[in-house]
C-alpha cells in the first residue's frame, strides 16, 4: 500500500465534521443563495479551512433538529 492510499483510507474512517457549501446544498435540497443566506443568518456555521469554506456538520444537524420544547 502506498503512503497516499493509506492516508486516504484512514481519513475516510473518521466521521465528517464539515461539508462544502455545495454538499450542504445537495443534502438539504436548497440553492447556493439560500445556503449563504443561512450562513449570514447564523443558522449554519461556516469556517475557513486552508482557503476553503466549510460548513460544520453540527450546524447542519442543528438546523434539521426539531424545535425543542424549551423554545416554546
C-alpha atoms as a PDB file:
ATOM      1  CA  UNK A   1       0.000   0.000   0.000  1.00  0.00           C
ATOM      2  CA  UNK A   2       1.351   3.407  -0.937  1.00  0.00           C
ATOM      3  CA  UNK A   3       1.535   6.215   1.591  1.00  0.00           C
ATOM      4  CA  UNK A   4      -1.155   8.305  -0.122  1.00  0.00           C
ATOM      5  CA  UNK A   5      -3.575   5.385  -0.191  1.00  0.00           C
ATOM      6  CA  UNK A   6      -3.003   4.653   3.490  1.00  0.00           C
ATOM      7  CA  UNK A   7      -3.745   8.247   4.475  1.00  0.00           C
ATOM      8  CA  UNK A   8      -6.878   8.324   2.343  1.00  0.00           C
ATOM      9  CA  UNK A   9      -8.189   5.060   3.813  1.00  0.00           C
ATOM     10  CA  UNK A  10      -7.548   6.269   7.350  1.00  0.00           C
ATOM     11  CA  UNK A  11      -9.199   9.646   6.736  1.00  0.00           C
ATOM     12  CA  UNK A  12     -12.379   8.047   5.402  1.00  0.00           C
ATOM     13  CA  UNK A  13     -12.769   6.177   8.714  1.00  0.00           C
ATOM     14  CA  UNK A  14     -13.133   9.484  10.562  1.00  0.00           C
ATOM     15  CA  UNK A  15     -16.622  10.961  10.931  1.00  0.00           C
ATOM     16  CA  UNK A  16     -17.344  14.008   8.763  1.00  0.00           C
ATOM     17  CA  UNK A  17     -17.200  17.219  10.761  1.00  0.00           C
ATOM     18  CA  UNK A  18     -17.750  19.584   7.873  1.00  0.00           C
ATOM     19  CA  UNK A  19     -19.102  19.862   4.357  1.00  0.00           C
ATOM     20  CA  UNK A  20     -18.589  22.137   1.383  1.00  0.00           C
ATOM     21  CA  UNK A  21     -21.365  24.613   0.637  1.00  0.00           C
ATOM     22  CA  UNK A  22     -22.147  22.584  -2.487  1.00  0.00           C
ATOM     23  CA  UNK A  23     -22.548  19.387  -0.416  1.00  0.00           C
ATOM     24  CA  UNK A  24     -24.838  21.184   2.037  1.00  0.00           C
ATOM     25  CA  UNK A  25     -26.970  22.426  -0.861  1.00  0.00           C
ATOM     26  CA  UNK A  26     -27.284  18.880  -2.189  1.00  0.00           C
ATOM     27  CA  UNK A  27     -28.062  17.401   1.237  1.00  0.00           C
ATOM     28  CA  UNK A  28     -30.732  19.963   2.065  1.00  0.00           C
ATOM     29  CA  UNK A  29     -32.137  20.394  -1.427  1.00  0.00           C
ATOM     30  CA  UNK A  30     -31.507  24.145  -1.386  1.00  0.00           C
ATOM     31  CA  UNK A  31     -29.754  26.544  -3.689  1.00  0.00           C
ATOM     32  CA  UNK A  32     -26.424  28.267  -3.206  1.00  0.00           C
ATOM     33  CA  UNK A  33     -28.066  31.622  -2.416  1.00  0.00           C
ATOM     34  CA  UNK A  34     -30.228  30.067   0.291  1.00  0.00           C
ATOM     35  CA  UNK A  35     -27.224  28.308   1.822  1.00  0.00           C
ATOM     36  CA  UNK A  36     -25.283  31.572   2.035  1.00  0.00           C
ATOM     37  CA  UNK A  37     -28.368  33.309   3.465  1.00  0.00           C
ATOM     38  CA  UNK A  38     -28.482  30.675   6.231  1.00  0.00           C
ATOM     39  CA  UNK A  39     -24.774  31.317   6.911  1.00  0.00           C
ATOM     40  CA  UNK A  40     -25.403  35.079   7.091  1.00  0.00           C
ATOM     41  CA  UNK A  41     -28.333  34.493   9.478  1.00  0.00           C
ATOM     42  CA  UNK A  42     -26.004  32.265  11.550  1.00  0.00           C
ATOM     43  CA  UNK A  43     -28.304  29.266  11.146  1.00  0.00           C
ATOM     44  CA  UNK A  44     -25.377  27.465   9.501  1.00  0.00           C
ATOM     45  CA  UNK A  45     -21.809  27.894  10.765  1.00  0.00           C
ATOM     46  CA  UNK A  46     -19.158  28.309   8.078  1.00  0.00           C
ATOM     47  CA  UNK A  47     -15.426  28.422   8.762  1.00  0.00           C
ATOM     48  CA  UNK A  48     -12.428  28.932   6.501  1.00  0.00           C
ATOM     49  CA  UNK A  49     -10.032  25.985   6.341  1.00  0.00           C
ATOM     50  CA  UNK A  50      -6.983  26.372   4.096  1.00  0.00           C
ATOM     51  CA  UNK A  51      -8.854  28.845   1.911  1.00  0.00           C
ATOM     52  CA  UNK A  52     -11.989  26.685   1.627  1.00  0.00           C
ATOM     53  CA  UNK A  53     -15.331  27.431   3.221  1.00  0.00           C
ATOM     54  CA  UNK A  54     -16.507  24.505   5.316  1.00  0.00           C
ATOM     55  CA  UNK A  55     -19.955  24.285   6.912  1.00  0.00           C
ATOM     56  CA  UNK A  56     -19.862  22.427  10.203  1.00  0.00           C
ATOM     57  CA  UNK A  57     -21.757  19.151  10.364  1.00  0.00           C
ATOM     58  CA  UNK A  58     -23.034  20.154  13.819  1.00  0.00           C
ATOM     59  CA  UNK A  59     -24.720  23.262  12.401  1.00  0.00           C
ATOM     60  CA  UNK A  60     -26.388  21.205   9.651  1.00  0.00           C
ATOM     61  CA  UNK A  61     -27.683  18.766  12.292  1.00  0.00           C
ATOM     62  CA  UNK A  62     -28.887  21.650  14.483  1.00  0.00           C
ATOM     63  CA  UNK A  63     -30.736  23.207  11.547  1.00  0.00           C
ATOM     64  CA  UNK A  64     -32.518  19.908  10.888  1.00  0.00           C
ATOM     65  CA  UNK A  65     -33.332  19.179  14.532  1.00  0.00           C
ATOM     66  CA  UNK A  66     -36.925  19.659  15.611  1.00  0.00           C
ATOM     67  CA  UNK A  67     -37.503  22.701  17.825  1.00  0.00           C
ATOM     68  CA  UNK A  68     -37.007  21.895  21.476  1.00  0.00           C
ATOM     69  CA  UNK A  69     -39.894  22.121  23.942  1.00  0.00           C
ATOM     70  CA  UNK A  70     -37.917  24.767  25.860  1.00  0.00           C
ATOM     71  CA  UNK A  71     -38.035  27.158  22.898  1.00  0.00           C
ATOM     72  CA  UNK A  72     -41.844  27.441  23.071  1.00  0.00           C
END
